[in-house]
Protein backbone atom coordinates (compact mmCIF):
# COMPACT_ATOMS: atom_id res chain seq x y z
CA MET A 1 -103.53 42.50 -137.43
CA ALA A 2 -102.56 40.78 -133.81
CA ILE A 3 -99.48 39.72 -135.29
CA GLU A 4 -98.57 43.27 -135.87
CA LYS A 5 -99.76 44.60 -132.35
CA ARG A 6 -97.14 41.46 -130.92
CA LYS A 7 -94.31 42.47 -133.30
CA LEU A 8 -94.58 46.27 -132.38
CA GLN A 9 -94.91 45.26 -128.81
CA SER A 10 -91.84 43.23 -128.94
CA SER A 11 -89.93 45.97 -130.92
CA LYS A 12 -90.48 48.42 -128.22
CA GLN A 13 -89.70 46.26 -125.38
CA SER A 14 -86.20 45.57 -127.26
CA GLN A 15 -85.98 49.08 -127.60
CA GLN A 16 -86.42 49.24 -124.01
CA SER A 17 -84.49 46.93 -123.18
CA LYS A 18 -81.37 48.41 -124.90
CA ARG A 19 -81.84 51.82 -123.33
CA GLN A 20 -82.01 50.11 -119.67
CA LYS A 21 -78.42 48.16 -120.48
CA ARG A 22 -76.98 51.20 -122.27
CA ARG A 23 -78.07 53.45 -119.04
CA PHE A 24 -76.59 50.69 -116.70
CA LYS A 25 -73.46 50.67 -118.45
CA GLU A 26 -73.47 54.38 -118.33
CA ILE A 27 -74.20 54.09 -114.58
CA ALA A 28 -71.67 51.05 -114.21
CA ARG A 29 -68.80 53.78 -116.04
CA GLU A 30 -69.42 56.53 -113.24
CA ALA A 31 -69.22 53.81 -110.88
CA ALA A 32 -66.05 52.83 -111.92
CA ALA A 33 -64.45 56.39 -112.58
CA ARG A 34 -65.76 57.51 -108.95
CA THR A 35 -64.16 54.18 -107.48
CA LEU A 36 -60.91 55.20 -108.65
CA ASN A 37 -61.27 58.52 -106.93
CA GLY A 38 -61.95 56.80 -103.54
CA ASN A 39 -65.92 56.63 -103.91
CA GLY A 40 -68.50 54.25 -105.88
CA ALA A 41 -67.97 50.88 -104.94
CA SER A 42 -65.44 50.53 -103.11
CA PRO A 43 -63.51 47.74 -102.32
CA SER A 44 -62.64 48.63 -99.12
CA LEU A 45 -66.29 49.05 -97.76
CA PRO A 46 -66.89 46.46 -94.77
CA PRO A 47 -69.15 43.77 -95.53
CA LEU A 48 -72.48 43.53 -93.92
CA PRO A 49 -72.94 41.43 -90.90
CA LYS A 50 -75.17 38.52 -91.56
CA ALA A 51 -77.93 37.94 -89.11
CA ASP A 52 -77.65 35.53 -86.50
CA GLN A 53 -79.67 34.04 -83.33
CA GLU A 54 -79.59 37.63 -81.95
CA GLY A 55 -81.32 39.73 -84.76
CA LEU A 56 -80.15 41.72 -87.71
CA GLY A 57 -77.04 42.35 -88.60
CA THR A 58 -77.04 46.29 -88.28
CA LEU A 59 -79.03 48.05 -85.41
CA PHE A 60 -80.53 51.08 -87.15
CA SER A 61 -80.88 52.65 -90.57
CA HIS A 62 -78.50 55.70 -91.59
CA PRO A 63 -80.00 58.56 -89.89
CA TYR A 64 -80.00 60.85 -92.87
CA GLY A 65 -81.17 57.78 -95.60
CA ALA A 66 -77.46 57.33 -97.15
CA LEU A 67 -76.88 53.87 -98.83
CA PRO A 68 -73.98 52.02 -99.84
CA TYR A 69 -72.94 53.04 -103.57
CA GLY A 70 -73.78 50.07 -105.36
CA ASN A 71 -77.55 50.42 -104.54
CA ILE A 72 -77.14 53.16 -107.49
CA PHE A 73 -77.82 50.03 -109.97
CA MET A 74 -81.13 49.77 -108.62
CA ALA A 75 -81.92 53.18 -108.81
CA GLN A 76 -82.73 55.54 -112.06
CA SER A 77 -80.08 57.87 -111.36
CA ASP A 78 -77.71 59.66 -109.29
CA ALA A 79 -79.78 62.86 -109.57
CA VAL A 80 -79.43 63.82 -106.19
CA ARG A 81 -75.81 63.94 -106.34
CA GLU A 82 -75.71 65.99 -109.79
CA ASN A 83 -78.08 68.43 -108.89
CA GLY A 84 -77.42 69.06 -105.13
CA LEU A 85 -73.17 69.81 -106.26
CA GLY A 86 -73.36 71.93 -109.16
CA ASN A 87 -69.77 72.13 -109.67
CA LEU A 88 -68.40 70.44 -107.02
CA LYS A 89 -69.87 66.98 -108.80
CA CYS A 90 -66.85 66.46 -110.27
CA MET A 91 -65.24 65.49 -106.71
CA ASN A 92 -65.69 62.51 -104.88
CA ASP A 93 -67.47 62.52 -101.45
CA GLU A 94 -64.38 62.44 -99.33
CA GLN A 95 -63.38 65.60 -100.88
CA ILE A 96 -66.23 67.11 -100.46
CA ILE A 97 -66.25 66.11 -96.79
CA SER A 98 -62.19 67.64 -96.64
CA ILE A 99 -63.54 70.81 -98.39
CA PHE A 100 -66.24 71.30 -95.50
CA GLN A 101 -63.63 70.60 -93.09
CA PHE A 102 -62.56 73.89 -93.88
CA LEU A 103 -65.90 75.75 -92.66
CA ASP A 104 -67.17 77.66 -89.48
CA GLY A 105 -70.14 76.55 -87.73
CA LYS A 106 -72.26 79.32 -89.07
CA SER A 107 -70.72 78.36 -92.74
CA LEU A 108 -71.32 74.69 -92.52
CA ALA A 109 -74.97 75.26 -91.45
CA ASN A 110 -76.01 77.42 -94.53
CA VAL A 111 -74.41 74.56 -96.62
CA VAL A 112 -76.45 71.93 -95.60
CA GLN A 113 -79.62 74.37 -96.65
CA ALA A 114 -78.15 74.21 -100.44
CA SER A 115 -79.49 70.86 -101.62
CA ARG A 116 -80.27 67.63 -100.39
CA PHE A 117 -77.19 65.86 -100.79
CA ALA A 118 -75.20 68.97 -99.22
CA TYR A 119 -77.92 68.49 -96.45
CA VAL A 120 -76.49 64.67 -95.95
CA ALA A 121 -72.89 65.78 -96.13
CA GLY A 122 -72.81 68.30 -94.06
CA HIS A 123 -74.35 66.51 -91.35
CA HIS A 124 -71.49 63.82 -91.42
CA ASP A 125 -71.20 63.72 -87.57
CA GLU A 126 -67.61 63.96 -87.79
CA LEU A 127 -67.50 67.60 -89.09
CA TRP A 128 -69.93 68.61 -86.00
CA ARG A 129 -67.36 66.93 -83.85
CA ASP A 130 -64.06 68.48 -85.06
CA LEU A 131 -66.05 71.74 -84.93
CA VAL A 132 -66.52 71.21 -80.95
CA LEU A 133 -63.31 69.92 -80.26
CA ARG A 134 -61.43 72.91 -81.91
CA TYR A 135 -63.52 75.66 -80.23
CA PHE A 136 -64.67 73.99 -76.91
CA GLY A 137 -62.77 70.94 -76.58
CA LYS A 138 -59.92 72.49 -73.97
CA VAL A 139 -62.83 74.50 -71.85
CA GLY A 140 -65.06 71.31 -71.39
CA PHE A 141 -68.73 71.14 -73.10
CA ASP A 142 -72.16 69.60 -71.88
CA PHE A 143 -72.38 66.83 -74.72
CA GLN A 144 -75.71 66.63 -76.41
CA LYS A 145 -77.56 63.66 -78.73
CA CYS A 146 -75.18 64.45 -81.24
CA TRP A 147 -72.02 66.27 -81.97
CA ARG A 148 -74.27 68.89 -84.01
CA ASP A 149 -76.34 69.85 -81.30
CA THR A 150 -73.35 69.87 -78.98
CA PHE A 151 -71.71 72.64 -80.96
CA VAL A 152 -75.10 74.77 -81.26
CA HIS A 153 -75.41 74.32 -77.77
CA SER A 154 -72.06 75.26 -77.00
CA THR A 155 -72.34 78.20 -78.66
CA LEU A 156 -75.57 79.82 -77.58
CA LYS A 157 -74.67 78.74 -74.08
CA THR A 158 -71.29 81.03 -74.84
CA ASN A 159 -73.59 83.62 -76.23
CA GLY A 160 -76.12 83.84 -73.72
CA LYS A 161 -79.29 82.59 -76.02
CA LEU A 162 -79.49 78.99 -74.86
CA GLU A 163 -83.30 79.63 -74.56
CA MET A 164 -82.85 78.97 -78.24
CA PHE A 165 -81.54 76.04 -78.52
CA GLN A 166 -83.61 73.20 -80.06
CA ASN A 167 -82.46 69.47 -80.47
CA HIS A 168 -81.80 68.45 -84.23
CA VAL A 169 -83.86 65.79 -86.06
CA PRO A 170 -82.28 64.18 -88.95
CA ILE A 171 -84.58 64.12 -92.27
CA SER A 172 -83.78 60.58 -94.12
CA ILE A 173 -83.01 61.28 -97.61
CA LYS A 174 -83.62 59.28 -100.64
CA GLY A 175 -81.00 58.85 -103.60
CA ILE A 176 -78.15 59.37 -101.71
CA TYR A 177 -75.73 56.63 -102.59
CA SER A 178 -72.34 57.20 -100.97
CA ASP A 179 -69.73 54.33 -99.58
CA THR A 180 -67.73 57.69 -97.63
CA PHE A 181 -71.07 58.11 -95.55
CA PHE A 182 -72.36 55.00 -95.35
CA ARG A 183 -69.19 52.98 -93.97
CA SER A 184 -68.56 55.10 -90.90
CA TRP A 185 -72.32 54.35 -89.28
CA LEU A 186 -71.86 50.80 -90.63
CA CYS A 187 -68.59 50.72 -88.46
CA ARG A 188 -70.48 52.19 -85.60
CA SER A 189 -74.02 50.22 -85.68
CA PHE A 190 -73.62 46.64 -86.04
CA ALA A 191 -75.01 44.26 -84.20
CA LEU A 192 -72.37 42.22 -81.84
CA GLN A 193 -72.87 38.59 -83.54
CA GLU A 194 -72.73 35.63 -81.45
CA SER A 195 -69.67 33.68 -83.24
CA TRP A 196 -67.79 37.13 -81.93
CA LEU A 197 -67.85 36.13 -78.52
CA SER A 198 -68.21 32.21 -78.52
CA VAL A 199 -64.33 31.45 -77.84
CA ASN A 200 -62.68 31.62 -75.07
CA ASN A 201 -59.70 30.20 -74.51
CA VAL A 202 -57.42 32.30 -72.19
CA ILE A 203 -56.79 30.18 -69.28
CA THR A 204 -58.80 31.28 -66.10
CA GLU A 205 -57.74 30.53 -62.48
CA ASP A 206 -59.79 31.50 -59.37
CA ALA A 207 -58.38 34.27 -57.29
CA GLU A 208 -58.72 32.11 -53.97
CA ASN A 209 -56.83 29.34 -55.48
CA LEU A 210 -53.79 30.97 -57.15
CA SER A 211 -50.56 32.07 -55.14
CA LEU A 212 -48.04 34.45 -55.80
CA ASP A 213 -45.55 31.70 -56.57
CA ARG A 214 -47.53 29.98 -59.37
CA PHE A 215 -48.53 33.31 -60.64
CA LEU A 216 -45.05 34.22 -61.23
CA SER A 217 -44.29 30.42 -62.52
CA GLU A 218 -46.89 29.52 -64.66
CA TYR A 219 -47.85 32.70 -66.02
CA GLU A 220 -45.67 35.55 -65.71
CA GLU A 221 -42.46 33.94 -66.49
CA LYS A 222 -43.67 31.83 -69.26
CA ASN A 223 -45.85 35.25 -70.51
CA ILE A 224 -48.75 33.41 -70.94
CA PRO A 225 -52.76 35.46 -70.29
CA LEU A 226 -54.34 35.01 -67.77
CA ILE A 227 -57.69 35.46 -65.99
CA VAL A 228 -57.79 35.65 -62.42
CA ARG A 229 -61.46 35.47 -61.66
CA GLY A 230 -63.07 36.90 -58.40
CA ALA A 231 -60.12 39.10 -57.90
CA THR A 232 -61.41 42.20 -57.50
CA LYS A 233 -65.04 41.52 -56.37
CA SER A 234 -64.39 42.52 -52.89
CA TRP A 235 -62.67 45.64 -54.15
CA ARG A 236 -64.23 48.82 -52.81
CA ALA A 237 -64.31 50.53 -56.56
CA SER A 238 -66.06 47.43 -57.54
CA GLN A 239 -68.93 47.87 -55.21
CA LYS A 240 -68.97 51.69 -55.38
CA TRP A 241 -68.25 52.79 -58.83
CA ASN A 242 -71.12 53.98 -61.00
CA LYS A 243 -71.72 57.02 -62.82
CA GLU A 244 -73.73 58.24 -60.08
CA TYR A 245 -70.57 57.79 -57.72
CA LEU A 246 -67.93 59.00 -60.24
CA CYS A 247 -70.04 62.40 -61.19
CA GLN A 248 -70.25 62.61 -57.37
CA GLN A 249 -66.57 62.60 -56.40
CA THR A 250 -65.05 64.14 -59.71
CA ARG A 251 -67.81 67.53 -59.87
CA ASP A 252 -65.51 70.38 -61.14
CA MET A 253 -63.40 68.15 -62.46
CA THR A 254 -62.27 67.12 -66.40
CA PHE A 255 -61.12 64.34 -68.10
CA ARG A 256 -59.05 63.78 -71.35
CA ALA A 257 -60.75 61.79 -74.23
CA THR A 258 -58.76 60.84 -77.07
CA SER A 259 -59.74 59.03 -80.61
CA GLY A 260 -57.05 57.99 -83.53
CA ALA A 261 -59.80 59.61 -85.84
CA ALA A 262 -60.01 63.08 -83.97
CA PRO A 263 -57.96 65.75 -84.68
CA LEU A 264 -57.61 66.95 -81.14
CA PRO A 265 -58.52 65.20 -77.02
CA ALA A 266 -61.40 66.83 -75.54
CA GLN A 267 -62.12 67.54 -72.03
CA PHE A 268 -65.03 65.92 -70.32
CA SER A 269 -66.76 66.45 -66.98
CA MET A 270 -67.63 62.76 -66.14
CA ALA A 271 -71.55 63.54 -66.26
CA SER A 272 -70.57 65.06 -69.82
CA TYR A 273 -69.27 62.19 -70.66
CA ALA A 274 -71.71 60.15 -69.21
CA GLN A 275 -74.04 61.43 -71.57
CA TYR A 276 -71.72 60.83 -74.71
CA CYS A 277 -71.67 57.26 -73.82
CA GLU A 278 -75.75 57.17 -73.85
CA SER A 279 -75.49 58.40 -77.75
CA ALA A 280 -72.24 58.19 -79.06
CA THR A 281 -72.35 57.45 -83.08
CA GLU A 282 -69.08 57.85 -84.21
CA GLU A 283 -66.92 54.97 -85.67
CA ALA A 284 -64.15 55.62 -83.41
CA PRO A 285 -65.75 57.08 -80.43
CA LEU A 286 -64.03 59.08 -78.07
CA TYR A 287 -62.20 56.99 -75.23
CA LEU A 288 -61.54 58.40 -71.55
CA PHE A 289 -58.46 57.46 -70.78
CA ASP A 290 -56.68 59.25 -68.18
CA ARG A 291 -53.48 58.82 -66.46
CA THR A 292 -53.87 62.21 -63.99
CA PHE A 293 -56.98 60.71 -62.28
CA ALA A 294 -55.14 59.27 -59.23
CA GLN A 295 -54.08 62.99 -58.75
CA LYS A 296 -57.26 64.97 -59.47
CA CYS A 297 -59.17 62.56 -56.95
CA PRO A 298 -57.18 60.70 -54.51
CA THR A 299 -60.62 58.91 -53.53
CA LEU A 300 -60.52 56.89 -56.34
CA LEU A 301 -57.28 56.10 -55.99
CA ASN A 302 -58.06 55.05 -52.16
CA ASP A 303 -60.97 52.91 -53.64
CA PHE A 304 -58.49 50.33 -55.13
CA LEU A 305 -55.07 50.55 -54.31
CA GLY A 306 -55.02 48.93 -50.36
CA ASP A 307 -57.57 46.62 -52.31
CA LEU A 308 -55.20 45.50 -54.98
CA LYS A 309 -52.29 45.19 -52.52
CA SER A 310 -54.34 42.41 -50.44
CA PHE A 311 -56.40 40.56 -52.75
CA CYS A 312 -53.98 40.80 -55.61
CA PRO A 313 -50.60 40.23 -54.07
CA TYR A 314 -48.47 39.43 -57.56
CA PHE A 315 -49.72 43.01 -58.30
CA ASP A 316 -48.33 44.70 -55.27
CA ASP A 317 -45.34 47.32 -56.25
CA GLU A 318 -43.78 46.57 -52.76
CA ALA A 319 -43.65 42.90 -52.96
CA GLU A 320 -40.30 41.45 -52.87
CA HIS A 321 -40.46 39.59 -56.23
CA GLY A 322 -40.12 43.15 -57.97
CA HIS A 323 -42.99 44.33 -59.12
CA ASP A 324 -43.21 47.58 -60.93
CA LEU A 325 -39.61 48.51 -61.07
CA PHE A 326 -40.00 51.70 -62.90
CA SER A 327 -41.58 53.02 -59.20
CA LEU A 328 -37.88 53.17 -58.59
CA LEU A 329 -37.31 56.23 -60.82
CA GLY A 330 -40.08 58.26 -58.45
CA LYS A 331 -43.72 59.74 -58.70
CA GLY A 332 -43.15 61.90 -61.75
CA LYS A 333 -40.05 60.43 -63.20
CA ARG A 334 -41.43 57.36 -64.42
CA PRO A 335 -43.24 56.81 -67.66
CA ASP A 336 -47.26 56.84 -67.63
CA HIS A 337 -48.55 53.58 -65.80
CA ARG A 338 -51.93 53.82 -64.12
CA TRP A 339 -55.00 54.97 -66.20
CA ILE A 340 -58.98 55.09 -65.70
CA ILE A 341 -60.72 54.08 -68.68
CA ILE A 342 -64.29 54.90 -69.76
CA GLY A 343 -66.10 54.15 -72.97
CA PRO A 344 -69.39 53.30 -74.76
CA LYS A 345 -70.83 49.94 -75.88
CA ARG A 346 -68.81 49.10 -78.86
CA SER A 347 -65.98 51.25 -78.36
CA GLY A 348 -62.56 50.12 -76.83
CA SER A 349 -58.85 49.71 -78.57
CA SER A 350 -57.41 48.79 -81.92
CA PHE A 351 -54.73 46.23 -81.95
CA HIS A 352 -51.55 47.24 -80.01
CA ILE A 353 -48.46 46.05 -78.03
CA ASP A 354 -48.17 47.85 -75.00
CA PRO A 355 -45.30 50.35 -74.77
CA ASN A 356 -41.58 50.18 -73.25
CA ALA A 357 -41.92 46.69 -73.53
CA THR A 358 -44.07 46.08 -70.52
CA HIS A 359 -46.57 43.81 -68.79
CA ALA A 360 -49.94 44.99 -67.64
CA TRP A 361 -52.92 44.13 -65.56
CA ASN A 362 -56.75 45.03 -66.78
CA ALA A 363 -59.94 44.99 -64.06
CA PRO A 364 -63.20 46.18 -66.11
CA ILE A 365 -65.02 47.69 -62.66
CA ARG A 366 -68.55 48.41 -64.81
CA GLY A 367 -69.26 46.20 -68.19
CA ARG A 368 -67.78 43.38 -69.73
CA LYS A 369 -64.78 43.45 -72.07
CA ARG A 370 -63.77 41.61 -75.01
CA TRP A 371 -60.06 40.53 -75.67
CA ILE A 372 -58.25 39.03 -78.83
CA PHE A 373 -54.96 38.00 -78.23
CA TYR A 374 -51.83 37.35 -81.00
CA PRO A 375 -48.79 35.91 -80.14
CA PRO A 376 -45.70 38.10 -80.08
CA GLY A 377 -44.24 37.90 -83.50
CA VAL A 378 -47.78 37.20 -85.25
CA PRO A 379 -49.55 40.37 -86.30
CA PRO A 380 -53.33 39.83 -86.49
CA PRO A 381 -54.99 39.86 -90.03
CA GLY A 382 -55.40 43.52 -91.28
CA VAL A 383 -52.22 44.93 -89.03
CA TYR A 384 -49.24 45.67 -91.11
CA PRO A 385 -46.42 46.67 -89.03
CA SER A 386 -43.15 48.15 -90.61
CA PRO A 387 -39.94 45.92 -90.03
CA ASN A 388 -38.49 48.15 -87.39
CA GLY A 389 -41.75 48.40 -85.37
CA ASP A 390 -41.97 52.23 -85.38
CA ASP A 391 -45.31 51.96 -87.38
CA VAL A 392 -48.53 49.94 -87.79
CA VAL A 393 -51.09 50.36 -90.40
CA MET A 394 -54.75 49.11 -89.75
CA PRO A 395 -58.32 49.56 -89.82
CA ILE A 396 -59.02 53.13 -88.08
CA SER A 397 -61.78 51.37 -85.73
CA LEU A 398 -62.62 48.06 -84.10
CA GLY A 399 -66.01 47.90 -86.06
CA GLU A 400 -64.22 47.54 -89.73
CA TRP A 401 -61.74 45.58 -88.05
CA TYR A 402 -64.21 42.97 -87.11
CA LEU A 403 -66.83 43.28 -90.04
CA SER A 404 -63.56 43.42 -92.37
CA HIS A 405 -61.06 40.70 -91.37
CA TRP A 406 -63.23 38.44 -89.25
CA ASN A 407 -63.02 35.63 -91.38
CA ASP A 408 -59.30 35.67 -91.57
CA HIS A 409 -59.47 35.42 -87.82
CA VAL A 410 -61.18 32.47 -88.23
CA LYS A 411 -58.74 31.03 -90.03
CA GLN A 412 -55.96 31.80 -87.73
CA ARG A 413 -57.88 29.64 -85.15
CA ASN A 414 -57.32 26.55 -86.64
CA ASN A 415 -53.11 27.64 -87.98
CA PRO A 416 -51.13 24.21 -87.82
CA ASP A 417 -48.68 25.85 -85.88
CA VAL A 418 -50.67 26.05 -82.56
CA SER A 419 -47.89 28.54 -81.64
CA LYS A 420 -49.61 31.42 -84.03
CA ARG A 421 -53.38 30.66 -83.03
CA PRO A 422 -54.78 33.37 -81.24
CA LEU A 423 -56.45 33.70 -78.17
CA GLU A 424 -59.69 34.92 -76.68
CA CYS A 425 -61.89 35.74 -73.83
CA THR A 426 -64.58 37.92 -72.08
CA VAL A 427 -63.82 39.54 -69.03
CA ASN A 428 -66.41 40.05 -66.75
CA GLU A 429 -66.71 42.79 -63.50
CA GLY A 430 -64.73 41.30 -60.63
CA ASP A 431 -62.30 39.27 -62.77
CA ILE A 432 -58.80 40.78 -63.67
CA LEU A 433 -56.73 40.28 -66.64
CA PHE A 434 -52.76 40.00 -66.97
CA VAL A 435 -51.70 41.05 -70.62
CA PRO A 436 -48.12 39.72 -70.91
CA HIS A 437 -45.56 41.96 -72.69
CA GLY A 438 -45.28 41.48 -76.40
CA TRP A 439 -48.65 40.09 -77.37
CA TRP A 440 -51.10 41.95 -80.08
CA HIS A 441 -54.51 42.29 -78.25
CA CYS A 442 -57.79 44.44 -79.09
CA VAL A 443 -60.65 45.54 -76.72
CA LEU A 444 -64.41 45.44 -77.20
CA ASN A 445 -66.50 46.60 -74.47
CA LEU A 446 -69.68 44.80 -74.70
CA ASP A 447 -72.44 46.25 -72.70
CA ASP A 448 -74.94 49.88 -72.78
CA GLY A 449 -73.69 52.66 -70.76
CA MET A 450 -70.40 53.22 -69.57
CA SER A 451 -67.96 50.98 -69.44
CA ILE A 452 -65.40 51.18 -66.76
CA ALA A 453 -62.12 49.90 -66.36
CA LEU A 454 -58.62 50.51 -64.31
CA THR A 455 -55.90 49.05 -65.84
CA GLN A 456 -51.81 49.41 -64.96
CA ASN A 457 -48.44 48.98 -66.98
CA TYR A 458 -45.42 47.52 -65.13
CA VAL A 459 -41.85 46.06 -65.41
CA SER A 460 -41.07 42.90 -62.94
CA ALA A 461 -38.19 40.49 -62.84
CA SER A 462 -39.98 38.75 -65.78
CA ASN A 463 -39.81 40.87 -68.79
CA LEU A 464 -36.89 43.47 -67.28
CA PRO A 465 -34.15 41.81 -69.49
CA ASP A 466 -36.57 43.20 -72.70
CA VAL A 467 -37.33 46.25 -71.03
CA LEU A 468 -33.69 47.35 -70.94
CA ARG A 469 -32.86 46.39 -74.19
CA PHE A 470 -36.01 47.84 -75.59
CA LEU A 471 -34.81 51.10 -73.67
CA LYS A 472 -31.23 50.77 -75.52
CA THR A 473 -32.23 49.78 -78.78
CA LYS A 474 -35.78 51.71 -79.72
CA PRO A 475 -35.51 54.67 -77.81
CA GLN A 476 -37.74 56.43 -80.42
CA GLN A 477 -40.54 54.23 -79.35
CA ILE A 478 -40.49 54.92 -75.79
CA SER A 479 -43.48 56.61 -74.63
CA GLY A 480 -45.31 57.82 -71.67
CA CYS A 481 -42.75 60.42 -70.94
CA ARG A 482 -42.20 63.04 -73.75
CA ASP A 483 -45.11 65.34 -73.15
CA ARG A 484 -44.32 65.64 -69.12
CA ARG A 485 -41.10 68.07 -68.27
CA GLU A 486 -41.07 66.35 -64.74
CA ALA A 487 -40.31 62.94 -66.81
CA THR A 488 -37.37 61.15 -67.30
CA GLN A 489 -36.84 61.60 -70.95
CA PRO A 490 -36.26 58.70 -73.53
CA ASP A 491 -32.54 59.84 -73.93
CA GLU A 492 -31.88 59.27 -70.10
CA LEU A 493 -34.34 56.59 -69.15
CA LEU A 494 -32.41 53.76 -69.71
CA ASP A 495 -29.50 55.14 -67.75
CA LYS A 496 -31.22 56.51 -64.95
CA PHE A 497 -33.42 53.28 -65.06
CA VAL A 498 -29.96 51.46 -64.51
CA GLU A 499 -28.87 53.58 -61.71
CA LYS A 500 -31.71 53.05 -59.54
CA LEU A 501 -31.65 49.19 -60.16
CA LYS A 502 -27.85 49.09 -59.04
CA GLU A 503 -28.65 51.24 -56.23
CA LYS A 504 -31.97 49.23 -55.25
CA ARG A 505 -31.79 45.61 -57.04
CA PRO A 506 -28.27 44.99 -58.04
CA ALA A 507 -28.43 41.14 -58.41
CA LEU A 508 -31.51 41.31 -60.65
CA LEU A 509 -29.75 44.10 -62.40
CA LYS A 510 -26.95 41.84 -63.17
CA GLU A 511 -29.11 38.72 -64.25
CA ALA A 512 -31.36 40.73 -65.96
CA THR A 513 -28.31 42.69 -68.24
CA LEU A 514 -27.11 39.11 -68.87
CA GLU A 515 -30.32 37.90 -70.32
CA SER A 516 -30.78 41.22 -72.33
CA GLU A 517 -27.34 40.90 -73.84
CA LYS A 518 -28.27 37.41 -75.18
CA GLY A 519 -31.11 38.98 -77.47
CA TRP A 520 -34.90 39.43 -77.26
CA GLN A 521 -36.68 36.84 -75.02
CA CYS A 522 -40.42 37.82 -76.78
CA GLU A 523 -40.56 37.22 -80.51
CA ALA A 524 -42.53 40.91 -80.60
CA TRP A 525 -39.58 42.96 -81.20
CA THR A 526 -36.02 42.06 -83.47
CA ASP A 527 -32.78 44.41 -83.58
CA ASP A 528 -33.22 47.35 -86.36
CA VAL A 529 -31.91 46.59 -89.56
CA ASP A 530 -30.54 49.16 -91.99
CA GLU A 531 -33.84 48.99 -94.39
CA SER A 532 -31.76 50.61 -97.23
CA ASN A 533 -29.39 48.14 -97.37
CA GLU A 534 -32.02 45.43 -96.97
CA GLU A 535 -33.56 46.74 -100.35
CA ASN A 536 -30.50 46.79 -102.14
CA GLU A 537 -29.85 43.37 -101.09
CA ASN A 538 -33.41 42.27 -102.47
CA ASP A 539 -32.75 44.63 -105.49
CA GLY A 540 -34.43 46.74 -104.80
CA LYS A 541 -37.99 44.88 -104.15
CA GLU A 542 -39.77 45.44 -101.19
CA VAL A 543 -41.26 42.76 -99.30
CA LYS A 544 -45.20 42.90 -100.60
CA SER A 545 -48.22 42.37 -97.97
CA LYS A 546 -51.71 41.89 -99.81
CA GLY A 547 -50.41 44.00 -102.81
CA ILE A 548 -48.89 46.65 -100.78
CA SER A 549 -45.59 46.86 -99.49
CA VAL A 550 -44.90 47.68 -95.43
CA LEU A 551 -42.60 50.33 -95.93
CA GLU A 552 -44.77 52.15 -98.55
CA LYS A 553 -47.60 52.22 -96.09
CA ALA A 554 -45.82 53.31 -93.18
CA LYS A 555 -44.46 56.08 -95.09
CA MET A 556 -47.91 57.42 -96.11
CA PHE A 557 -48.04 58.71 -92.70
CA GLU A 558 -46.26 60.90 -90.41
CA GLU A 559 -45.17 59.74 -86.93
CA LYS A 560 -47.43 60.90 -83.70
CA ASP A 561 -45.35 62.51 -81.44
CA GLY A 562 -45.89 62.63 -77.61
CA GLU A 563 -48.42 60.64 -75.85
CA ASN A 564 -49.60 58.67 -79.28
CA LYS A 565 -45.74 57.32 -79.18
CA ALA A 566 -46.27 53.59 -78.55
CA SER A 567 -44.50 50.49 -78.83
CA PRO A 568 -45.03 50.34 -81.26
CA THR A 569 -46.37 53.37 -82.68
CA GLN A 570 -49.71 53.44 -85.04
CA SER A 571 -49.71 55.79 -88.13
CA SER A 572 -51.21 58.91 -88.18
CA GLY A 573 -54.97 58.78 -88.68
CA PHE A 574 -55.15 55.33 -87.22
CA THR A 575 -56.78 54.62 -83.83
CA PHE A 576 -53.94 54.12 -80.99
CA SER A 577 -54.85 53.76 -76.90
CA PHE A 578 -53.54 51.11 -74.49
CA MET A 579 -56.63 48.78 -73.82
């Protein structure tokens, strides 16, 4: 009797095991099918960061309970999705989000009540962000704790029913397995890893020991990044600028904030943007990057311009060595060159090269900034410029780059060719950073609250030859003037600039022109080639990069016009900003 019971029990266990194996195979097939449609166990999902001495790799759970799709293998089924989408279940999650993007606020609010899956999908933060920007982005709005609350608050305020407003409290739903929902959260909520901040190999000079001549000969002319420690600690801006001061000085003013992932720019009051910095949860946050702050609020300009000339003579636009030569074109005529930059923790700028072959300086007033530089002609891991430099394909956010490409970056630190190794540094309040022309760089804000910085791009005697060559050979990449009628437009910029140089700095123009005609001084650019002829010479075989040709990638997206046009540009759908 005991033997028969054991045989019967063994048979049941065997049948149960077979059923489990069949179910796992079914789940695997479903996962494979959905992966092909852009969902499921996506190979592009950044890996979870490992825990380090600072604690866990992520800061908090997904607010609506979404998990990576791979977790479905430990679950009973994907019933929440299948039962919650009805006839839409044949679509992948990216397609579902795309459909929801066509809904207005009232319709989206109804959709989230349809099922548990629709509740999570319909609260995808970027959906509500796009609604806010579409309806209220130009007129300004009071940011609440999330974009959904901001839309509801702005709508009720417009209709005179603000007393009905209540903050939204997310409900965590079990059984949601989606790389689409999880990915954007992961790329925003990661903890800053100790290893990301450990290397500091950019040269640092104390301000009191750095003369004008040494800066020009040892750094600017050699095109080497440099931190000037303590150069801005005595600026009035460094002593006065904080959230309260900026809000007070800019009452009744709005400032432009953009993101490569957002469809439209937004107009924020400083107070509203400060609130946004406290609670932003987007993968690619809106970055306040305003070029008109000095005209809107001259007090802010006066807080640093005189101190810049006194404490940083190498960046004085009136200096004899020929700093800021674009200023010869006159106010309003020159390309954009001066910005106030504000962003929340973990915001920043993805890899780019500064526009028009210009140098730049960057001064953090509040909050530290983490910089990574790659030498001219050495694209960072995960960054794919087109052959002519018109377009660049790269991760949409800094979070994705750090999580997906950090190991490749670490390998590049040990490149046998020392000239191709990256440079890294943390720039503190009171310091100023020289950013040479042609260097790839990304910037990550490290501290809580509002990170506030100033930056200017400029042309000097050291990079004038490449600027002249750039304006002559790459007019399609000229930026900072296309969307301003009073500015000198790209087709006239070279002639107007040469005309002013001939009038004011003839000897410098002659020398720079001779150098420019010899070729590029910086390896960031090459002369454009006929790509069709190049393809013919290679029997139609395009050069591949990680299995996808650069040309193929570049053709996937249309060029951005106007202010988003840069040197080099980034393809539509990818983050762009200066620093």
